[in-house]
Amino acid sequence: LPLDPDYPAARLTYMLRDAAPVCAVTDRAGRLPDGTDAEVVVLDGLDVSSHAWTDPARALTPAHPAYVIYTSGSTGRPKGVVVPHRAIDNRLRWMQHEYGLTAADRVLQKTPSSFDVSVWELFWPLREGATLVVAEPGAHKDPVHLARLIREQDITTCHFVPSMLQVFLGTPEASGCAAALRRVFCSGEALPRETASAFARALPGVRLHNLYGPTEAAVDVT
């Protein structure tokens, strides 16, 4: 269950109470609201010397939950979606079969972990031996920084929501990314024809893939 510390305290409290995790892990104290039943484990200064060095004995099956992602709540209260290992494994296998990462690829991870696109950004390259490049927090909002990062890190694969892709394409720096990029994925919103046309002009030779799917279907379905 990823928790974004930038969310309002009321939303974080609701998610923690609703999901009822056995513990919440944070990098430093004060990042999560009080008033929930979850035990908070603070990594900063954590002493693990007295803990066992072996993995706990626990039998997992493909039906066990892999993660919980909360929807935006645009139609009401946010809803926690439990995605099992089987579903996200199937999703990642499909993506590899369809788009075929290799060890020469470099995938940009920039989506906040509270959104399910971050799942394939993180695990697809790690499964296939590609390079994972993690952007600094908040970088997904800065198109000029992203363009520089794509060029400097030779990013071959990345994702944009269509509205941010339009902003990105409007920067003079975007056209300089064509030398590195091989494929760009879009999802999360409807992709306007005008944005797709602008993409073709700014990044000739780069493939644009328009995906769609609800959180309940393990990120994308088509």
Foldseek 3Di string as FASTA:
>chain_A
DDDDLPDPQVLQQVVCQVVVDQAAEDQAPPSHDPDHPHHYHHNVVDDCPPPDPDDDDDDDDQQAFPDWAWDPQPVHRTDIATDGNVQQVVVLVVCCVVPNDAQAAEAEQADPPNDLVNVCLPVNCVVHNHHYDYDDHPVLVPLVSVLVCCLVVLHAEYEDAQVSLQVNLPDPSQLVNLVRYAEYEYEDDDHDPVSVVSCCVSRPNHYYHYFYDDVNNRNTDD
